[in-house]
C-alpha atoms as a PDB file:
ATOM      1  CA  UNK A   1      -2.390  15.883  31.396  1.00  0.00           C
ATOM      2  CA  UNK A   2      -0.082  14.893  28.567  1.00  0.00           C
ATOM      3  CA  UNK A   3       0.751  17.683  25.832  1.00  0.00           C
ATOM      4  CA  UNK A   4       0.948  16.330  22.134  1.00  0.00           C
ATOM      5  CA  UNK A   5       3.716  17.855  20.451  1.00  0.00           C
ATOM      6  CA  UNK A   6       2.767  18.169  16.621  1.00  0.00           C
ATOM      7  CA  UNK A   7       6.531  18.137  15.403  1.00  0.00           C
ATOM      8  CA  UNK A   8       6.641  14.795  17.114  1.00  0.00           C
ATOM      9  CA  UNK A   9       3.732  13.262  15.176  1.00  0.00           C
ATOM     10  CA  UNK A  10       5.080  10.688  12.660  1.00  0.00           C
ATOM     11  CA  UNK A  11       2.749   9.254   9.485  1.00  0.00           C
ATOM     12  CA  UNK A  12       3.951   5.746   8.636  1.00  0.00           C
ATOM     13  CA  UNK A  13       2.446   3.044   6.750  1.00  0.00           C
ATOM     14  CA  UNK A  14       1.289   0.447   9.013  1.00  0.00           C
ATOM     15  CA  UNK A  15       0.549  -3.113   8.466  1.00  0.00           C
ATOM     16  CA  UNK A  16      -2.757  -4.622   9.832  1.00  0.00           C
ATOM     17  CA  UNK A  17      -1.088  -8.017  11.331  1.00  0.00           C
ATOM     18  CA  UNK A  18       1.593  -5.491  13.209  1.00  0.00           C
ATOM     19  CA  UNK A  19      -1.700  -3.738  14.937  1.00  0.00           C
ATOM     20  CA  UNK A  20      -3.107  -5.473  18.630  1.00  0.00           C
ATOM     21  CA  UNK A  21      -7.083  -6.077  18.454  1.00  0.00           C
ATOM     22  CA  UNK A  22      -7.676  -2.800  20.802  1.00  0.00           C
ATOM     23  CA  UNK A  23      -5.671  -0.707  17.832  1.00  0.00           C
ATOM     24  CA  UNK A  24      -7.900  -2.579  15.029  1.00  0.00           C
ATOM     25  CA  UNK A  25     -11.280  -2.001  16.842  1.00  0.00           C
ATOM     26  CA  UNK A  26     -10.335   1.682  17.784  1.00  0.00           C
ATOM     27  CA  UNK A  27      -9.113   2.328  14.114  1.00  0.00           C
ATOM     28  CA  UNK A  28     -12.175   0.812  12.928  1.00  0.00           C
ATOM     29  CA  UNK A  29     -14.733   2.537  15.375  1.00  0.00           C
ATOM     30  CA  UNK A  30     -12.780   6.138  14.468  1.00  0.00           C
ATOM     31  CA  UNK A  31     -13.135   5.521  10.409  1.00  0.00           C
ATOM     32  CA  UNK A  32     -16.786   4.696  11.024  1.00  0.00           C
ATOM     33  CA  UNK A  33     -17.313   7.592  12.977  1.00  0.00           C
ATOM     34  CA  UNK A  34     -15.354   9.745  10.700  1.00  0.00           C
ATOM     35  CA  UNK A  35     -17.330   8.313   7.726  1.00  0.00           C
ATOM     36  CA  UNK A  36     -20.716   8.961   9.211  1.00  0.00           C
ATOM     37  CA  UNK A  37     -19.564  12.869  10.142  1.00  0.00           C
ATOM     38  CA  UNK A  38     -18.359  13.351   6.708  1.00  0.00           C
ATOM     39  CA  UNK A  39     -21.530  11.799   5.209  1.00  0.00           C
ATOM     40  CA  UNK A  40     -23.973  13.997   7.690  1.00  0.00           C
ATOM     41  CA  UNK A  41     -22.318  16.992   6.930  1.00  0.00           C
ATOM     42  CA  UNK A  42     -22.337  16.395   3.155  1.00  0.00           C
ATOM     43  CA  UNK A  43     -26.028  15.462   3.395  1.00  0.00           C
ATOM     44  CA  UNK A  44     -26.833  18.751   4.954  1.00  0.00           C
ATOM     45  CA  UNK A  45     -24.757  21.025   2.603  1.00  0.00           C
ATOM     46  CA  UNK A  46     -26.768  18.681  -0.479  1.00  0.00           C
ATOM     47  CA  UNK A  47     -30.047  19.874   1.648  1.00  0.00           C
ATOM     48  CA  UNK A  48     -31.042  16.582   1.386  1.00  0.00           C
ATOM     49  CA  UNK A  49     -30.312  15.606   5.147  1.00  0.00           C
ATOM     50  CA  UNK A  50     -29.688  11.816   5.976  1.00  0.00           C
ATOM     51  CA  UNK A  51     -32.439  10.997   8.277  1.00  0.00           C
ATOM     52  CA  UNK A  52     -34.856  12.132   5.717  1.00  0.00           C
ATOM     53  CA  UNK A  53     -33.678   9.439   3.259  1.00  0.00           C
ATOM     54  CA  UNK A  54     -35.212   7.086   5.455  1.00  0.00           C
ATOM     55  CA  UNK A  55     -38.953   7.257   4.568  1.00  0.00           C
ATOM     56  CA  UNK A  56     -41.478   5.453   6.809  1.00  0.00           C
ATOM     57  CA  UNK A  57     -44.158   4.611   4.132  1.00  0.00           C
ATOM     58  CA  UNK A  58     -42.972   1.004   2.911  1.00  0.00           C
ATOM     59  CA  UNK A  59     -40.415  -0.665   5.509  1.00  0.00           C
ATOM     60  CA  UNK A  60     -41.310  -3.980   4.482  1.00  0.00           C
ATOM     61  CA  UNK A  61     -40.838  -3.865   0.925  1.00  0.00           C
ATOM     62  CA  UNK A  62     -37.717  -1.478   1.221  1.00  0.00           C
ATOM     63  CA  UNK A  63     -36.541  -4.581   3.780  1.00  0.00           C
ATOM     64  CA  UNK A  64     -37.134  -7.203   0.959  1.00  0.00           C
ATOM     65  CA  UNK A  65     -35.223  -5.326  -1.383  1.00  0.00           C
ATOM     66  CA  UNK A  66     -32.168  -5.144   1.108  1.00  0.00           C
ATOM     67  CA  UNK A  67     -32.323  -8.846   1.684  1.00  0.00           C
ATOM     68  CA  UNK A  68     -33.316 -10.177  -1.972  1.00  0.00           C
ATOM     69  CA  UNK A  69     -29.869  -7.954  -2.747  1.00  0.00           C
ATOM     70  CA  UNK A  70     -27.913  -9.435   0.356  1.00  0.00           C
ATOM     71  CA  UNK A  71     -28.727 -13.058  -0.537  1.00  0.00           C
ATOM     72  CA  UNK A  72     -27.721 -12.717  -4.377  1.00  0.00           C
ATOM     73  CA  UNK A  73     -24.403 -10.996  -3.029  1.00  0.00           C
ATOM     74  CA  UNK A  74     -23.983 -13.788  -0.525  1.00  0.00           C
ATOM     75  CA  UNK A  75     -24.840 -16.752  -3.352  1.00  0.00           C
ATOM     76  CA  UNK A  76     -22.072 -15.227  -5.724  1.00  0.00           C
ATOM     77  CA  UNK A  77     -19.664 -15.285  -2.958  1.00  0.00           C
ATOM     78  CA  UNK A  78     -20.270 -18.288  -1.656  1.00  0.00           C
ATOM     79  CA  UNK A  79     -19.802 -19.820  -5.138  1.00  0.00           C
ATOM     80  CA  UNK A  80     -16.650 -18.019  -5.794  1.00  0.00           C
ATOM     81  CA  UNK A  81     -15.195 -19.033  -2.554  1.00  0.00           C
ATOM     82  CA  UNK A  82     -15.689 -22.430  -3.434  1.00  0.00           C
ATOM     83  CA  UNK A  83     -14.293 -22.444  -6.924  1.00  0.00           C
ATOM     84  CA  UNK A  84     -11.496 -19.760  -6.441  1.00  0.00           C
ATOM     85  CA  UNK A  85      -8.046 -19.930  -4.814  1.00  0.00           C
ATOM     86  CA  UNK A  86      -8.236 -18.452  -1.308  1.00  0.00           C
ATOM     87  CA  UNK A  87      -5.361 -16.649  -2.155  1.00  0.00           C
ATOM     88  CA  UNK A  88      -7.237 -14.761  -4.401  1.00  0.00           C
ATOM     89  CA  UNK A  89      -9.549 -13.438  -1.869  1.00  0.00           C
ATOM     90  CA  UNK A  90      -7.185 -12.989   0.326  1.00  0.00           C
ATOM     91  CA  UNK A  91      -7.508  -9.531   2.823  1.00  0.00           C
ATOM     92  CA  UNK A  92      -4.805  -9.382   4.468  1.00  0.00           C
ATOM     93  CA  UNK A  93      -6.409 -11.228   7.399  1.00  0.00           C
ATOM     94  CA  UNK A  94      -8.165  -8.259   8.301  1.00  0.00           C
ATOM     95  CA  UNK A  95     -11.417  -9.881   8.246  1.00  0.00           C
ATOM     96  CA  UNK A  96     -10.366 -12.642  10.057  1.00  0.00           C
ATOM     97  CA  UNK A  97      -8.930 -10.357  13.167  1.00  0.00           C
ATOM     98  CA  UNK A  98     -12.312  -8.404  13.153  1.00  0.00           C
ATOM     99  CA  UNK A  99     -14.617 -11.313  13.360  1.00  0.00           C
ATOM    100  CA  UNK A 100     -12.898 -13.877  14.211  1.00  0.00           C
ATOM    101  CA  UNK A 101     -13.002 -13.624  17.894  1.00  0.00           C
ATOM    102  CA  UNK A 102     -16.038 -11.169  18.773  1.00  0.00           C
ATOM    103  CA  UNK A 103     -19.041 -12.196  20.527  1.00  0.00           C
ATOM    104  CA  UNK A 104     -22.233 -12.026  18.589  1.00  0.00           C
ATOM    105  CA  UNK A 105     -23.266  -8.741  20.000  1.00  0.00           C
ATOM    106  CA  UNK A 106     -20.417  -7.191  19.303  1.00  0.00           C
ATOM    107  CA  UNK A 107     -20.323  -8.486  15.566  1.00  0.00           C
ATOM    108  CA  UNK A 108     -23.733  -7.764  14.847  1.00  0.00           C
ATOM    109  CA  UNK A 109     -22.824  -4.228  16.363  1.00  0.00           C
ATOM    110  CA  UNK A 110     -19.813  -3.577  14.281  1.00  0.00           C
ATOM    111  CA  UNK A 111     -22.279  -4.777  10.858  1.00  0.00           C
ATOM    112  CA  UNK A 112     -24.581  -2.250  11.766  1.00  0.00           C
ATOM    113  CA  UNK A 113     -22.164   0.726  12.291  1.00  0.00           C
ATOM    114  CA  UNK A 114     -20.388  -0.119   9.290  1.00  0.00           C
ATOM    115  CA  UNK A 115     -23.827  -0.467   7.310  1.00  0.00           C
ATOM    116  CA  UNK A 116     -25.210   2.790   8.536  1.00  0.00           C
ATOM    117  CA  UNK A 117     -22.038   5.037   8.237  1.00  0.00           C
ATOM    118  CA  UNK A 118     -21.086   3.485   5.097  1.00  0.00           C
ATOM    119  CA  UNK A 119     -24.248   3.944   3.365  1.00  0.00           C
ATOM    120  CA  UNK A 120     -24.854   7.384   4.660  1.00  0.00           C
ATOM    121  CA  UNK A 121     -21.977   8.692   2.908  1.00  0.00           C
ATOM    122  CA  UNK A 122     -21.777   6.783  -0.086  1.00  0.00           C
ATOM    123  CA  UNK A 123     -25.419   6.211  -0.781  1.00  0.00           C
ATOM    124  CA  UNK A 124     -26.701   8.963   0.876  1.00  0.00           C
ATOM    125  CA  UNK A 125     -24.404  11.862   0.052  1.00  0.00           C
ATOM    126  CA  UNK A 126     -21.753  10.820  -2.722  1.00  0.00           C
ATOM    127  CA  UNK A 127     -24.141   9.017  -4.917  1.00  0.00           C
ATOM    128  CA  UNK A 128     -26.266  12.109  -4.615  1.00  0.00           C
ATOM    129  CA  UNK A 129     -23.832  14.022  -6.070  1.00  0.00           C
ATOM    130  CA  UNK A 130     -21.526  11.525  -8.559  1.00  0.00           C
ATOM    131  CA  UNK A 131     -24.477   8.606  -9.691  1.00  0.00           C
ATOM    132  CA  UNK A 132     -24.347   5.246  -8.704  1.00  0.00           C
ATOM    133  CA  UNK A 133     -21.187   4.405 -11.074  1.00  0.00           C
ATOM    134  CA  UNK A 134     -18.556   7.161  -9.673  1.00  0.00           C
ATOM    135  CA  UNK A 135     -19.771   6.291  -6.120  1.00  0.00           C
ATOM    136  CA  UNK A 136     -18.866   2.461  -6.682  1.00  0.00           C
ATOM    137  CA  UNK A 137     -15.544   3.541  -7.856  1.00  0.00           C
ATOM    138  CA  UNK A 138     -14.802   5.315  -5.387  1.00  0.00           C
ATOM    139  CA  UNK A 139     -16.245   2.740  -2.671  1.00  0.00           C
ATOM    140  CA  UNK A 140     -14.221   0.240  -4.078  1.00  0.00           C
ATOM    141  CA  UNK A 141     -10.757   2.772  -3.918  1.00  0.00           C
ATOM    142  CA  UNK A 142     -11.116   2.851  -0.166  1.00  0.00           C
ATOM    143  CA  UNK A 143     -11.544  -0.546   0.432  1.00  0.00           C
ATOM    144  CA  UNK A 144      -7.894  -0.914  -0.270  1.00  0.00           C
ATOM    145  CA  UNK A 145      -7.427  -4.248   1.124  1.00  0.00           C
ATOM    146  CA  UNK A 146      -9.086  -5.823  -2.014  1.00  0.00           C
ATOM    147  CA  UNK A 147      -7.110  -3.576  -4.160  1.00  0.00           C
ATOM    148  CA  UNK A 148      -4.521  -6.213  -4.844  1.00  0.00           C
ATOM    149  CA  UNK A 149      -7.059  -8.501  -6.551  1.00  0.00           C
ATOM    150  CA  UNK A 150      -8.999  -7.411  -9.673  1.00  0.00           C
ATOM    151  CA  UNK A 151     -11.522 -10.131  -8.152  1.00  0.00           C
ATOM    152  CA  UNK A 152     -12.320  -8.901  -5.216  1.00  0.00           C
ATOM    153  CA  UNK A 153     -12.254  -5.192  -6.360  1.00  0.00           C
ATOM    154  CA  UNK A 154     -14.845  -6.052  -8.895  1.00  0.00           C
ATOM    155  CA  UNK A 155     -16.720  -7.777  -6.901  1.00  0.00           C
ATOM    156  CA  UNK A 156     -16.888  -4.504  -4.386  1.00  0.00           C
ATOM    157  CA  UNK A 157     -17.741  -2.628  -7.303  1.00  0.00           C
ATOM    158  CA  UNK A 158     -20.375  -4.842  -8.295  1.00  0.00           C
ATOM    159  CA  UNK A 159     -22.111  -5.158  -4.692  1.00  0.00           C
ATOM    160  CA  UNK A 160     -21.545  -0.976  -4.649  1.00  0.00           C
ATOM    161  CA  UNK A 161     -23.201  -0.663  -7.848  1.00  0.00           C
ATOM    162  CA  UNK A 162     -25.972  -3.170  -6.844  1.00  0.00           C
ATOM    163  CA  UNK A 163     -26.526  -1.151  -3.404  1.00  0.00           C
ATOM    164  CA  UNK A 164     -26.669   2.100  -5.258  1.00  0.00           C
ATOM    165  CA  UNK A 165     -29.262   0.685  -7.710  1.00  0.00           C
ATOM    166  CA  UNK A 166     -31.474  -0.351  -5.035  1.00  0.00           C
ATOM    167  CA  UNK A 167     -31.261   3.136  -3.127  1.00  0.00           C
ATOM    168  CA  UNK A 168     -32.285   4.313  -6.445  1.00  0.00           C
ATOM    169  CA  UNK A 169     -35.155   2.236  -6.895  1.00  0.00           C
ATOM    170  CA  UNK A 170     -36.518   2.415  -3.467  1.00  0.00           C
ATOM    171  CA  UNK A 171     -35.719   5.993  -2.613  1.00  0.00           C
ATOM    172  CA  UNK A 172     -34.662   4.930   0.999  1.00  0.00           C
ATOM    173  CA  UNK A 173     -31.673   4.242   2.574  1.00  0.00           C
ATOM    174  CA  UNK A 174     -32.720   1.417   4.485  1.00  0.00           C
ATOM    175  CA  UNK A 175     -32.777  -0.392   1.565  1.00  0.00           C
ATOM    176  CA  UNK A 176     -28.925  -0.410   0.865  1.00  0.00           C
ATOM    177  CA  UNK A 177     -28.125  -0.395   4.714  1.00  0.00           C
ATOM    178  CA  UNK A 178     -30.174  -3.905   5.487  1.00  0.00           C
ATOM    179  CA  UNK A 179     -28.643  -5.176   2.539  1.00  0.00           C
ATOM    180  CA  UNK A 180     -25.167  -3.892   3.409  1.00  0.00           C
ATOM    181  CA  UNK A 181     -25.883  -5.471   7.542  1.00  0.00           C
ATOM    182  CA  UNK A 182     -26.618  -8.844   5.907  1.00  0.00           C
ATOM    183  CA  UNK A 183     -24.054  -9.034   3.614  1.00  0.00           C
ATOM    184  CA  UNK A 184     -21.489  -8.434   6.722  1.00  0.00           C
ATOM    185  CA  UNK A 185     -22.829 -10.136   9.376  1.00  0.00           C
ATOM    186  CA  UNK A 186     -23.716 -13.545   7.281  1.00  0.00           C
ATOM    187  CA  UNK A 187     -19.712 -12.816   6.158  1.00  0.00           C
ATOM    188  CA  UNK A 188     -18.744 -12.309   9.389  1.00  0.00           C
ATOM    189  CA  UNK A 189     -20.336 -15.301  11.097  1.00  0.00           C
ATOM    190  CA  UNK A 190     -19.336 -17.756   8.666  1.00  0.00           C
ATOM    191  CA  UNK A 191     -15.313 -16.363   9.272  1.00  0.00           C
ATOM    192  CA  UNK A 192     -16.318 -16.638  13.153  1.00  0.00           C
ATOM    193  CA  UNK A 193     -17.789 -20.178  12.997  1.00  0.00           C
ATOM    194  CA  UNK A 194     -15.408 -21.302  10.455  1.00  0.00           C
ATOM    195  CA  UNK A 195     -12.663 -20.371  12.496  1.00  0.00           C
ATOM    196  CA  UNK A 196     -13.722 -22.404  15.387  1.00  0.00           C
ATOM    197  CA  UNK A 197     -14.160 -25.666  13.778  1.00  0.00           C
END
């Protein structure tokens, strides 16, 4: 068994382009696992556990809210990508690397994990304490790869605020999870199949 020596550990900035595919995926799954754990713990301390934030009384209308927000976001995003130069929407190639070569089932799995984990933390826990506005600022800030471009930062903030709004309106985490999943999935499919052409 290999021993870890804490004195030899180094902290350094890593360029995403220098990461291999396996390390990039491992980073994604680890950060999402930590996001889920943090959200779950916070909701427990708030006496509002995340599993109680998925009420079962009206799944169809809640899913419609999620699908409606996703359709609106995707429409605006496609319009922006049509008229805005590509360098303004550049994320450093991370999305291309995450979605470009994935099998369909893996792409769906990634989108589901990201949507569930991030919504439990941001809508289920943080928004409960800070409200939709400050949660959206925090949500935009953690999407570091977009902070270089004001348009993308504004889009992430707006999407987050929309997710917070439908959570408030429906009272269910299912609505923002569904919207987040559909937005990521459709954009991931566009990246994957556009690359093949």
